Amino acid sequence: MSVGKKTPIQPALHKVIMVGSGGVGKSALTLQFMYDEFVEDYEPTKADSYRKKVVLDGEEVQIDILDTAGQEDYAAIRDNYFRSGEGFLCVFSITDDESFQATQEFREQILRVKNDDHIPFLLVGNKADLADKRRVTFEDAKQRSDQWNVPYVETSAKTRANVDKAFFDLARKISSRKYRSEAQEESSPKKSSCCIIL
């Protein structure tokens, strides 16, 4: 065994799942984040997976993004995706109230599958560049995110506004959650008999 050769530590991998109604810009956001380009007419037929190395607060991490597309109708497939995710970007379009209403159902499905109210989750209002066509007010979206106790961010895949912020904020939440659960495991006493003196 060669001495001094350390195995390079693999950067932490954070699994992000994009959820939201069709046409809200999930793919456009993902592609903008991945490649710095805006794809207007993207015809998603299947789920696509992307991986990007980024430096998050001075530490190199990998963000693995699953862009769900079209399979939301198949409950079994959808549930499998949700199970594999460590954090969720729930996207709606600020120009489409129906897509905003649908976030409620996505949230419920995720909580049901994950059985965890504190799963890292961001509510994302996309298409902020189309403010003149806005159908969902900032206040309404913020009210919903406050109710869920999750952050709300408005993005534009077109102008790249807040795109990095959405992914990085979610990655931070996933990361801090992992550290917390690791710390808890380390600090929780191994099953030991203990007596309490009253």
C-alpha atoms as a PDB file:
ATOM      1  CA  MET A   1       0.000   0.000   0.000  1.00  0.00           C
ATOM      2  CA  SER A   2       1.505   3.312  -1.014  1.00  0.00           C
ATOM      3  CA  VAL A   3       1.886   5.750   1.834  1.00  0.00           C
ATOM      4  CA  GLY A   4       0.782   9.356   1.557  1.00  0.00           C
ATOM      5  CA  LYS A   5      -1.587   8.762  -1.367  1.00  0.00           C
ATOM      6  CA  LYS A   6      -4.942   9.910  -0.149  1.00  0.00           C
ATOM      7  CA  THR A   7      -8.035   8.956  -2.027  1.00  0.00           C
ATOM      8  CA  PRO A   8      -9.544  12.234  -3.182  1.00  0.00           C
ATOM      9  CA  ILE A   9     -12.770  12.778  -1.331  1.00  0.00           C
ATOM     10  CA  GLN A  10     -15.692  12.832  -3.710  1.00  0.00           C
ATOM     11  CA  PRO A  11     -17.620  16.099  -3.525  1.00  0.00           C
ATOM     12  CA  ALA A  12     -20.949  15.736  -1.727  1.00  0.00           C
ATOM     13  CA  LEU A  13     -23.797  14.949  -4.073  1.00  0.00           C
ATOM     14  CA  HIS A  14     -27.096  16.780  -3.598  1.00  0.00           C
ATOM     15  CA  LYS A  15     -30.126  15.376  -5.424  1.00  0.00           C
ATOM     16  CA  VAL A  16     -32.553  18.026  -6.599  1.00  0.00           C
ATOM     17  CA  ILE A  17     -35.905  17.218  -8.180  1.00  0.00           C
ATOM     18  CA  MET A  18     -37.713  19.760 -10.359  1.00  0.00           C
ATOM     19  CA  VAL A  19     -41.483  19.574  -9.982  1.00  0.00           C
ATOM     20  CA  GLY A  20     -44.306  21.674 -11.357  1.00  0.00           C
ATOM     21  CA  SER A  21     -46.948  21.755 -14.074  1.00  0.00           C
ATOM     22  CA  GLY A  22     -46.000  21.472 -17.738  1.00  0.00           C
ATOM     23  CA  GLY A  23     -44.852  24.649 -19.448  1.00  0.00           C
ATOM     24  CA  VAL A  24     -43.756  26.545 -16.326  1.00  0.00           C
ATOM     25  CA  GLY A  25     -40.088  26.503 -17.342  1.00  0.00           C
ATOM     26  CA  LYS A  26     -38.583  23.652 -15.301  1.00  0.00           C
ATOM     27  CA  SER A  27     -36.381  22.587 -18.216  1.00  0.00           C
ATOM     28  CA  ALA A  28     -35.533  26.164 -19.145  1.00  0.00           C
ATOM     29  CA  LEU A  29     -34.390  26.819 -15.555  1.00  0.00           C
ATOM     30  CA  THR A  30     -32.363  23.612 -15.457  1.00  0.00           C
ATOM     31  CA  LEU A  31     -30.668  24.270 -18.800  1.00  0.00           C
ATOM     32  CA  GLN A  32     -29.970  27.892 -17.872  1.00  0.00           C
ATOM     33  CA  PHE A  33     -28.334  26.744 -14.631  1.00  0.00           C
ATOM     34  CA  MET A  34     -26.363  23.984 -16.351  1.00  0.00           C
ATOM     35  CA  TYR A  35     -25.217  25.673 -19.554  1.00  0.00           C
ATOM     36  CA  ASP A  36     -25.965  29.406 -19.210  1.00  0.00           C
ATOM     37  CA  GLU A  37     -28.332  29.291 -22.125  1.00  0.00           C
ATOM     38  CA  PHE A  38     -31.998  29.993 -22.545  1.00  0.00           C
ATOM     39  CA  VAL A  39     -33.937  27.362 -24.444  1.00  0.00           C
ATOM     40  CA  GLU A  40     -37.351  28.698 -25.328  1.00  0.00           C
ATOM     41  CA  ASP A  41     -38.926  25.753 -27.127  1.00  0.00           C
ATOM     42  CA  TYR A  42     -37.832  22.687 -25.280  1.00  0.00           C
ATOM     43  CA  GLU A  43     -40.047  19.675 -25.857  1.00  0.00           C
ATOM     44  CA  PRO A  44     -39.494  17.427 -22.882  1.00  0.00           C
ATOM     45  CA  THR A  45     -40.733  13.902 -23.410  1.00  0.00           C
ATOM     46  CA  LYS A  46     -38.829  12.092 -20.716  1.00  0.00           C
ATOM     47  CA  ALA A  47     -37.169  12.954 -17.461  1.00  0.00           C
ATOM     48  CA  ASP A  48     -33.634  14.228 -17.892  1.00  0.00           C
ATOM     49  CA  SER A  49     -30.888  14.043 -15.356  1.00  0.00           C
ATOM     50  CA  TYR A  50     -28.062  16.586 -15.114  1.00  0.00           C
ATOM     51  CA  ARG A  51     -25.068  16.903 -12.874  1.00  0.00           C
ATOM     52  CA  LYS A  52     -23.018  20.009 -12.227  1.00  0.00           C
ATOM     53  CA  LYS A  53     -20.042  20.644  -9.971  1.00  0.00           C
ATOM     54  CA  VAL A  54     -20.266  23.943  -8.155  1.00  0.00           C
ATOM     55  CA  VAL A  55     -18.522  25.625  -5.270  1.00  0.00           C
ATOM     56  CA  LEU A  56     -21.012  26.127  -2.475  1.00  0.00           C
ATOM     57  CA  ASP A  57     -19.768  28.277   0.395  1.00  0.00           C
ATOM     58  CA  GLY A  58     -16.158  27.357  -0.355  1.00  0.00           C
ATOM     59  CA  GLU A  59     -16.821  23.645  -0.702  1.00  0.00           C
ATOM     60  CA  GLU A  60     -17.044  21.757  -3.978  1.00  0.00           C
ATOM     61  CA  VAL A  61     -20.319  19.879  -4.311  1.00  0.00           C
ATOM     62  CA  GLN A  62     -22.172  18.175  -7.110  1.00  0.00           C
ATOM     63  CA  ILE A  63     -25.764  19.068  -7.794  1.00  0.00           C
ATOM     64  CA  ASP A  64     -27.700  16.294  -9.444  1.00  0.00           C
ATOM     65  CA  ILE A  65     -30.877  17.610 -11.058  1.00  0.00           C
ATOM     66  CA  LEU A  66     -33.764  15.460 -12.173  1.00  0.00           C
ATOM     67  CA  ASP A  67     -36.019  17.402 -14.499  1.00  0.00           C
ATOM     68  CA  THR A  68     -39.327  15.540 -14.437  1.00  0.00           C
ATOM     69  CA  ALA A  69     -41.300  15.876 -17.631  1.00  0.00           C
ATOM     70  CA  GLY A  70     -44.539  14.306 -18.672  1.00  0.00           C
ATOM     71  CA  GLN A  71     -44.368  11.392 -16.262  1.00  0.00           C
ATOM     72  CA  GLU A  72     -46.171  13.209 -13.493  1.00  0.00           C
ATOM     73  CA  ASP A  73     -49.278  11.309 -14.607  1.00  0.00           C
ATOM     74  CA  TYR A  74     -47.802   7.956 -13.666  1.00  0.00           C
ATOM     75  CA  ALA A  75     -48.048   7.881  -9.902  1.00  0.00           C
ATOM     76  CA  ALA A  76     -45.572   5.016  -9.478  1.00  0.00           C
ATOM     77  CA  ILE A  77     -42.876   6.710 -11.570  1.00  0.00           C
ATOM     78  CA  ARG A  78     -43.503  10.044  -9.887  1.00  0.00           C
ATOM     79  CA  ASP A  79     -43.302   8.526  -6.409  1.00  0.00           C
ATOM     80  CA  ASN A  80     -39.993   6.868  -7.297  1.00  0.00           C
ATOM     81  CA  TYR A  81     -38.578  10.226  -8.383  1.00  0.00           C
ATOM     82  CA  PHE A  82     -39.782  11.875  -5.200  1.00  0.00           C
ATOM     83  CA  ARG A  83     -38.281   9.097  -3.084  1.00  0.00           C
ATOM     84  CA  SER A  84     -34.869   9.601  -4.667  1.00  0.00           C
ATOM     85  CA  GLY A  85     -34.835  13.377  -4.139  1.00  0.00           C
ATOM     86  CA  GLU A  86     -33.155  15.177  -1.262  1.00  0.00           C
ATOM     87  CA  GLY A  87     -34.596  18.574  -2.122  1.00  0.00           C
ATOM     88  CA  PHE A  88     -37.304  19.955  -4.374  1.00  0.00           C
ATOM     89  CA  LEU A  89     -37.690  23.042  -6.539  1.00  0.00           C
ATOM     90  CA  CYS A  90     -41.438  23.410  -6.970  1.00  0.00           C
ATOM     91  CA  VAL A  91     -41.893  25.671  -9.975  1.00  0.00           C
ATOM     92  CA  PHE A  92     -44.918  27.587 -11.206  1.00  0.00           C
ATOM     93  CA  SER A  93     -45.256  30.394 -13.721  1.00  0.00           C
ATOM     94  CA  ILE A  94     -46.218  33.817 -12.377  1.00  0.00           C
ATOM     95  CA  THR A  95     -48.264  34.194 -15.596  1.00  0.00           C
ATOM     96  CA  ASP A  96     -50.369  31.102 -14.919  1.00  0.00           C
ATOM     97  CA  ASP A  97     -52.556  30.858 -11.840  1.00  0.00           C
ATOM     98  CA  GLU A  98     -53.416  27.204 -12.508  1.00  0.00           C
ATOM     99  CA  SER A  99     -49.740  26.250 -12.266  1.00  0.00           C
ATOM    100  CA  PHE A 100     -49.596  28.101  -8.941  1.00  0.00           C
ATOM    101  CA  GLN A 101     -52.642  26.215  -7.629  1.00  0.00           C
ATOM    102  CA  ALA A 102     -51.036  22.936  -8.727  1.00  0.00           C
ATOM    103  CA  THR A 103     -48.049  23.517  -6.406  1.00  0.00           C
ATOM    104  CA  GLN A 104     -50.335  22.605  -3.502  1.00  0.00           C
ATOM    105  CA  GLU A 105     -50.830  19.115  -4.913  1.00  0.00           C
ATOM    106  CA  PHE A 106     -47.139  18.647  -5.693  1.00  0.00           C
ATOM    107  CA  ARG A 107     -46.274  19.637  -2.149  1.00  0.00           C
ATOM    108  CA  GLU A 108     -48.796  17.171  -0.710  1.00  0.00           C
ATOM    109  CA  GLN A 109     -47.531  14.337  -2.927  1.00  0.00           C
ATOM    110  CA  ILE A 110     -43.934  15.005  -1.909  1.00  0.00           C
ATOM    111  CA  LEU A 111     -44.769  15.116   1.797  1.00  0.00           C
ATOM    112  CA  ARG A 112     -46.776  11.910   1.465  1.00  0.00           C
ATOM    113  CA  VAL A 113     -43.941  10.055  -0.294  1.00  0.00           C
ATOM    114  CA  LYS A 114     -41.153  11.466   1.880  1.00  0.00           C
ATOM    115  CA  ASN A 115     -43.221  11.378   5.073  1.00  0.00           C
ATOM    116  CA  ASP A 116     -41.241  14.382   6.241  1.00  0.00           C
ATOM    117  CA  ASP A 117     -42.503  17.942   6.712  1.00  0.00           C
ATOM    118  CA  HIS A 118     -39.010  19.407   6.795  1.00  0.00           C
ATOM    119  CA  ILE A 119     -37.741  18.170   3.451  1.00  0.00           C
ATOM    120  CA  PRO A 120     -35.620  20.894   1.740  1.00  0.00           C
ATOM    121  CA  PHE A 121     -38.075  22.668  -0.543  1.00  0.00           C
ATOM    122  CA  LEU A 122     -38.207  25.958  -2.452  1.00  0.00           C
ATOM    123  CA  LEU A 123     -41.242  27.515  -4.062  1.00  0.00           C
ATOM    124  CA  VAL A 124     -40.164  29.107  -7.338  1.00  0.00           C
ATOM    125  CA  GLY A 125     -42.180  31.626  -9.349  1.00  0.00           C
ATOM    126  CA  ASN A 126     -40.654  31.515 -12.838  1.00  0.00           C
ATOM    127  CA  LYS A 127     -41.057  33.873 -15.830  1.00  0.00           C
ATOM    128  CA  ALA A 128     -40.449  36.983 -13.715  1.00  0.00           C
ATOM    129  CA  ASP A 129     -39.434  38.741 -16.953  1.00  0.00           C
ATOM    130  CA  LEU A 130     -43.117  38.627 -17.993  1.00  0.00           C
ATOM    131  CA  ALA A 131     -44.262  40.879 -15.144  1.00  0.00           C
ATOM    132  CA  ASP A 132     -46.813  42.584 -17.405  1.00  0.00           C
ATOM    133  CA  LYS A 133     -48.579  39.219 -17.841  1.00  0.00           C
ATOM    134  CA  ARG A 134     -48.456  38.390 -14.141  1.00  0.00           C
ATOM    135  CA  ARG A 135     -51.432  36.432 -12.787  1.00  0.00           C
ATOM    136  CA  VAL A 136     -49.978  35.425  -9.421  1.00  0.00           C
ATOM    137  CA  THR A 137     -49.017  38.259  -7.092  1.00  0.00           C
ATOM    138  CA  PHE A 138     -45.760  38.154  -5.183  1.00  0.00           C
ATOM    139  CA  GLU A 139     -47.808  38.510  -1.985  1.00  0.00           C
ATOM    140  CA  ASP A 140     -49.939  35.429  -2.714  1.00  0.00           C
ATOM    141  CA  ALA A 141     -46.902  33.300  -3.484  1.00  0.00           C
ATOM    142  CA  LYS A 142     -45.057  34.590  -0.431  1.00  0.00           C
ATOM    143  CA  GLN A 143     -48.088  33.875   1.724  1.00  0.00           C
ATOM    144  CA  ARG A 144     -48.147  30.268   0.508  1.00  0.00           C
ATOM    145  CA  SER A 145     -44.415  29.802   1.085  1.00  0.00           C
ATOM    146  CA  ASP A 146     -44.756  31.269   4.598  1.00  0.00           C
ATOM    147  CA  GLN A 147     -47.627  28.899   5.280  1.00  0.00           C
ATOM    148  CA  TRP A 148     -45.402  25.986   4.202  1.00  0.00           C
ATOM    149  CA  ASN A 149     -42.448  27.494   6.039  1.00  0.00           C
ATOM    150  CA  VAL A 150     -40.266  27.367   2.905  1.00  0.00           C
ATOM    151  CA  PRO A 151     -38.390  30.090   0.973  1.00  0.00           C
ATOM    152  CA  TYR A 152     -39.963  31.732  -2.073  1.00  0.00           C
ATOM    153  CA  VAL A 153     -37.896  33.049  -4.964  1.00  0.00           C
ATOM    154  CA  GLU A 154     -38.907  34.560  -8.310  1.00  0.00           C
ATOM    155  CA  THR A 155     -36.748  33.585 -11.257  1.00  0.00           C
ATOM    156  CA  SER A 156     -36.454  34.181 -14.961  1.00  0.00           C
ATOM    157  CA  ALA A 157     -34.884  31.445 -17.032  1.00  0.00           C
ATOM    158  CA  LYS A 158     -34.735  33.990 -19.844  1.00  0.00           C
ATOM    159  CA  THR A 159     -32.728  36.709 -18.083  1.00  0.00           C
ATOM    160  CA  ARG A 160     -31.106  34.238 -15.650  1.00  0.00           C
ATOM    161  CA  ALA A 161     -32.439  36.294 -12.726  1.00  0.00           C
ATOM    162  CA  ASN A 162     -32.140  34.318  -9.456  1.00  0.00           C
ATOM    163  CA  VAL A 163     -31.568  31.026 -11.307  1.00  0.00           C
ATOM    164  CA  ASP A 164     -28.332  30.268  -9.462  1.00  0.00           C
ATOM    165  CA  LYS A 165     -29.872  31.550  -6.242  1.00  0.00           C
ATOM    166  CA  ALA A 166     -32.727  29.025  -6.429  1.00  0.00           C
ATOM    167  CA  PHE A 167     -30.420  26.042  -6.962  1.00  0.00           C
ATOM    168  CA  PHE A 168     -27.780  27.219  -4.493  1.00  0.00           C
ATOM    169  CA  ASP A 169     -30.299  28.044  -1.752  1.00  0.00           C
ATOM    170  CA  LEU A 170     -31.813  24.589  -2.103  1.00  0.00           C
ATOM    171  CA  ALA A 171     -28.386  22.916  -2.160  1.00  0.00           C
ATOM    172  CA  ARG A 172     -27.511  24.784   1.058  1.00  0.00           C
ATOM    173  CA  LYS A 173     -30.675  23.496   2.709  1.00  0.00           C
ATOM    174  CA  ILE A 174     -29.876  19.924   1.633  1.00  0.00           C
ATOM    175  CA  SER A 175     -26.282  20.296   2.789  1.00  0.00           C
ATOM    176  CA  SER A 176     -27.101  21.708   6.221  1.00  0.00           C
ATOM    177  CA  ARG A 177     -29.710  19.015   6.714  1.00  0.00           C
ATOM    178  CA  LYS A 178     -27.148  16.309   5.922  1.00  0.00           C
ATOM    179  CA  TYR A 179     -24.659  17.816   8.358  1.00  0.00           C
ATOM    180  CA  ARG A 180     -27.356  18.016  11.015  1.00  0.00           C
ATOM    181  CA  SER A 181     -28.368  14.385  10.664  1.00  0.00           C
ATOM    182  CA  GLU A 182     -24.692  13.282  10.624  1.00  0.00           C
ATOM    183  CA  ALA A 183     -24.035  15.346  13.749  1.00  0.00           C
ATOM    184  CA  GLN A 184     -27.090  13.878  15.435  1.00  0.00           C
ATOM    185  CA  GLU A 185     -25.946  10.358  14.621  1.00  0.00           C
ATOM    186  CA  GLU A 186     -22.515  11.077  16.052  1.00  0.00           C
ATOM    187  CA  SER A 187     -23.828  12.735  19.183  1.00  0.00           C
ATOM    188  CA  SER A 188     -26.646  10.314  19.894  1.00  0.00           C
ATOM    189  CA  PRO A 189     -25.428   7.856  22.486  1.00  0.00           C
ATOM    190  CA  LYS A 190     -25.217   4.276  21.310  1.00  0.00           C
ATOM    191  CA  LYS A 191     -27.808   2.213  23.078  1.00  0.00           C
ATOM    192  CA  SER A 192     -26.504   2.288  26.600  1.00  0.00           C
ATOM    193  CA  SER A 193     -28.206   1.608  29.864  1.00  0.00           C
ATOM    194  CA  CYS A 194     -28.481   4.728  31.908  1.00  0.00           C
ATOM    195  CA  CYS A 195     -30.052   5.563  35.156  1.00  0.00           C
ATOM    196  CA  ILE A 196     -31.695   8.855  35.947  1.00  0.00           C
ATOM    197  CA  ILE A 197     -31.337  10.057  39.505  1.00  0.00           C
ATOM    198  CA  LEU A 198     -34.283  12.139  40.531  1.00  0.00           C
END
